[in-house]
Amino acid sequence: MTNESNNNADKTEEAKASSEAGAEETTKAEEIDWKSKYYYQAAEMENFRKRAERERENQLKYGSEKILRDLLDVVDNFERTVDMLKFDQDQKVKNIVIGLDMVKKIFLDSLGKHGLTQLESLGKDFDPNFHEAMAQEYQEAKRPNEVLKEFQKGYVLNGRLLRAAKVVVASDKQ
């Protein structure tokens, strides 16, 4: 019987050792699983942080877009008023034009401090990304697709188009 007891004891020890090895493998697998979950969550948090930072920066850069677009109507009206009155010969009207021109310049400078810049279109080539063609006109000395006139100025806010310039473009045919 001692032989049988020894065999049973050996089998019990083998089973115990195999059970411990299986438990150890399970523990290692769980540890690897937890680590991968941790790294995944850490990466997700980092991506969220970066996305939130980008959104905050965009909000700071472009958050004033709606109000600036509305204020461009004020600038347009200043320009129209000055254009209509600048040829008047009355000295009082000339002084008013000078004052309106100064207010317009101060107003545009203030808007410029917030990232608004005026597009320079006259004499440049037509670019559909920045210009809206209202008409074409033939002029002999002009190259095709050159901007001849501006009906309405275009503006860019921090590198992004806020309003396209409405322009007349030179055509190559009469």
Protein backbone atom coordinates (compact mmCIF):
# COMPACT_ATOMS: atom_id res chain seq x y z
CA MET A 1 0.00 0.00 0.00
CA THR A 2 2.76 2.34 0.49
CA ASN A 3 3.44 2.20 -3.17
CA GLU A 4 -0.17 3.13 -3.91
CA SER A 5 -0.06 5.90 -1.34
CA ASN A 6 3.09 7.24 -2.87
CA ASN A 7 1.48 7.17 -6.32
CA ASN A 8 -1.60 8.94 -5.01
CA ALA A 9 0.56 11.49 -3.20
CA ASP A 10 2.58 12.04 -6.38
CA LYS A 11 -0.62 12.48 -8.41
CA THR A 12 -1.99 14.87 -5.82
CA GLU A 13 1.21 16.89 -5.89
CA GLU A 14 1.18 16.92 -9.71
CA ALA A 15 -2.45 18.03 -9.72
CA LYS A 16 -1.66 20.67 -7.14
CA ALA A 17 1.36 21.89 -9.13
CA SER A 18 -0.64 21.89 -12.36
CA SER A 19 -3.46 23.76 -10.61
CA GLU A 20 -0.98 26.32 -9.28
CA ALA A 21 0.57 26.69 -12.76
CA GLY A 22 -2.90 27.18 -14.26
CA ALA A 23 -3.76 29.75 -11.60
CA GLU A 24 -0.46 31.53 -12.24
CA GLU A 25 -1.15 31.58 -16.00
CA THR A 26 -4.66 32.95 -15.34
CA THR A 27 -3.22 35.64 -13.07
CA LYS A 28 -0.66 36.63 -15.73
CA ALA A 29 -3.38 36.71 -18.42
CA GLU A 30 -5.55 38.91 -16.19
CA GLU A 31 -2.58 41.17 -15.50
CA ILE A 32 -1.90 41.53 -19.24
CA ASP A 33 -5.61 42.21 -19.83
CA TRP A 34 -5.66 44.92 -17.13
CA LYS A 35 -2.50 46.50 -18.50
CA SER A 36 -3.92 46.64 -22.02
CA LYS A 37 -7.14 48.17 -20.68
CA TYR A 38 -5.11 50.71 -18.72
CA TYR A 39 -3.01 51.69 -21.74
CA TYR A 40 -6.15 51.94 -23.89
CA GLN A 41 -7.83 54.24 -21.35
CA ALA A 42 -4.67 56.32 -20.96
CA ALA A 43 -4.49 56.75 -24.76
CA GLU A 44 -8.19 57.66 -24.88
CA MET A 45 -7.70 60.30 -22.18
CA GLU A 46 -4.70 61.76 -24.00
CA ASN A 47 -6.70 61.92 -27.27
CA PHE A 48 -9.60 63.57 -25.43
CA ARG A 49 -7.25 66.13 -23.90
CA LYS A 50 -5.74 66.97 -27.30
CA ARG A 51 -9.17 67.18 -28.95
CA ALA A 52 -10.48 69.47 -26.20
CA GLU A 53 -7.40 71.70 -26.55
CA ARG A 54 -7.89 71.95 -30.34
CA GLU A 55 -11.57 72.81 -29.86
CA ARG A 56 -10.66 75.47 -27.29
CA GLU A 57 -8.10 77.00 -29.65
CA ASN A 58 -10.62 77.01 -32.52
CA GLN A 59 -13.22 78.62 -30.27
CA LEU A 60 -10.77 81.37 -29.39
CA LYS A 61 -9.75 81.87 -33.03
CA TYR A 62 -13.14 81.62 -34.71
CA GLY A 63 -15.67 82.16 -31.91
CA SER A 64 -16.23 85.77 -32.91
CA GLU A 65 -16.96 84.84 -36.53
CA LYS A 66 -20.71 85.57 -36.42
CA ILE A 67 -20.43 88.99 -34.82
CA LEU A 68 -17.55 89.99 -37.09
CA ARG A 69 -19.58 88.97 -40.14
CA ASP A 70 -22.37 91.27 -38.94
CA LEU A 71 -19.93 94.10 -38.29
CA LEU A 72 -18.70 93.88 -41.88
CA ASP A 73 -22.04 95.39 -42.92
CA VAL A 74 -21.14 98.43 -40.81
CA VAL A 75 -17.77 98.68 -42.57
CA ASP A 76 -19.48 98.38 -45.97
CA ASN A 77 -21.88 101.20 -45.09
CA PHE A 78 -18.98 103.41 -43.96
CA GLU A 79 -17.25 102.77 -47.29
CA ARG A 80 -20.39 103.46 -49.33
CA THR A 81 -21.03 106.69 -47.45
CA VAL A 82 -17.46 107.90 -47.90
CA ASP A 83 -17.51 106.94 -51.60
CA MET A 84 -20.74 108.88 -52.18
CA LEU A 85 -19.63 112.02 -50.33
CA LYS A 86 -15.94 112.27 -51.20
CA PHE A 87 -16.52 114.24 -54.43
CA ASP A 88 -18.75 116.85 -52.79
CA GLN A 89 -17.21 120.33 -52.92
CA ASP A 90 -18.73 121.66 -49.68
CA GLN A 91 -16.01 122.07 -47.03
CA LYS A 92 -18.28 120.81 -44.23
CA VAL A 93 -19.02 117.64 -46.17
CA LYS A 94 -15.29 117.16 -46.87
CA ASN A 95 -14.62 117.39 -43.11
CA ILE A 96 -17.38 114.84 -42.43
CA VAL A 97 -15.82 112.51 -45.03
CA ILE A 98 -12.42 112.86 -43.33
CA GLY A 99 -14.02 112.04 -39.96
CA LEU A 100 -15.90 109.04 -41.34
CA ASP A 101 -12.73 107.79 -43.00
CA MET A 102 -10.86 108.04 -39.68
CA VAL A 103 -13.62 106.18 -37.82
CA LYS A 104 -13.62 103.46 -40.50
CA LYS A 105 -9.84 103.08 -40.21
CA ILE A 106 -9.98 102.84 -36.40
CA PHE A 107 -12.83 100.34 -36.67
CA LEU A 108 -10.91 98.15 -39.15
CA ASP A 109 -7.76 98.36 -36.99
CA SER A 110 -9.79 97.17 -33.99
CA LEU A 111 -11.19 94.27 -36.00
CA GLY A 112 -7.66 93.50 -37.20
CA LYS A 113 -6.52 93.06 -33.60
CA HIS A 114 -8.97 90.16 -33.43
CA GLY A 115 -7.58 88.46 -36.54
CA LEU A 116 -9.69 90.03 -39.30
CA THR A 117 -7.83 91.02 -42.47
CA GLN A 118 -9.10 92.50 -45.70
CA LEU A 119 -8.46 90.64 -48.96
CA GLU A 120 -6.58 92.59 -51.60
CA SER A 121 -8.26 91.63 -54.87
CA LEU A 122 -7.77 94.39 -57.43
CA GLY A 123 -5.14 93.48 -60.00
CA LYS A 124 -4.78 89.94 -58.62
CA ASP A 125 -5.75 86.74 -60.42
CA PHE A 126 -9.24 85.44 -59.74
CA ASP A 127 -9.20 82.72 -57.06
CA PRO A 128 -12.50 80.91 -56.53
CA ASN A 129 -11.44 80.18 -52.95
CA PHE A 130 -11.47 83.90 -52.13
CA HIS A 131 -13.49 85.58 -54.87
CA GLU A 132 -17.04 85.40 -56.13
CA ALA A 133 -17.27 86.47 -59.79
CA MET A 134 -20.26 88.72 -60.36
CA ALA A 135 -19.45 89.55 -64.00
CA GLN A 136 -16.81 89.37 -66.71
CA GLU A 137 -15.62 92.32 -68.69
CA TYR A 138 -13.23 92.65 -71.60
CA GLN A 139 -10.38 95.13 -71.26
CA GLU A 140 -7.58 95.11 -73.77
CA ALA A 141 -4.67 95.84 -71.42
CA LYS A 142 -5.73 93.29 -68.79
CA ARG A 143 -4.83 89.63 -68.64
CA PRO A 144 -7.64 87.04 -68.52
CA ASN A 145 -9.00 86.28 -65.02
CA GLU A 146 -7.53 89.44 -63.52
CA VAL A 147 -9.80 91.12 -60.97
CA LEU A 148 -10.90 94.48 -62.40
CA LYS A 149 -13.42 95.80 -59.87
CA GLU A 150 -14.67 94.97 -56.40
CA PHE A 151 -18.36 95.20 -55.61
CA GLN A 152 -17.79 94.04 -52.06
CA LYS A 153 -14.53 93.50 -50.19
CA GLY A 154 -13.59 90.07 -48.91
CA TYR A 155 -12.31 89.30 -45.43
CA VAL A 156 -10.29 86.54 -43.77
CA LEU A 157 -10.46 85.67 -40.05
CA ASN A 158 -7.25 84.08 -38.74
CA GLY A 159 -6.53 82.45 -42.10
CA ARG A 160 -10.08 81.25 -42.72
CA LEU A 161 -12.30 82.94 -45.31
CA LEU A 162 -15.04 84.93 -43.58
CA ARG A 163 -16.55 86.55 -46.66
CA ALA A 164 -15.57 86.16 -50.31
CA ALA A 165 -14.90 89.30 -52.33
CA LYS A 166 -17.53 89.99 -55.00
CA VAL A 167 -15.59 90.98 -58.10
CA VAL A 168 -15.63 91.68 -61.83
CA VAL A 169 -13.12 89.56 -63.73
CA ALA A 170 -11.36 90.29 -67.02
CA SER A 171 -12.34 88.04 -69.90
CA ASP A 172 -10.17 87.15 -72.88
CA LYS A 173 -12.97 87.66 -75.44
CA GLN A 174 -14.74 90.80 -76.50
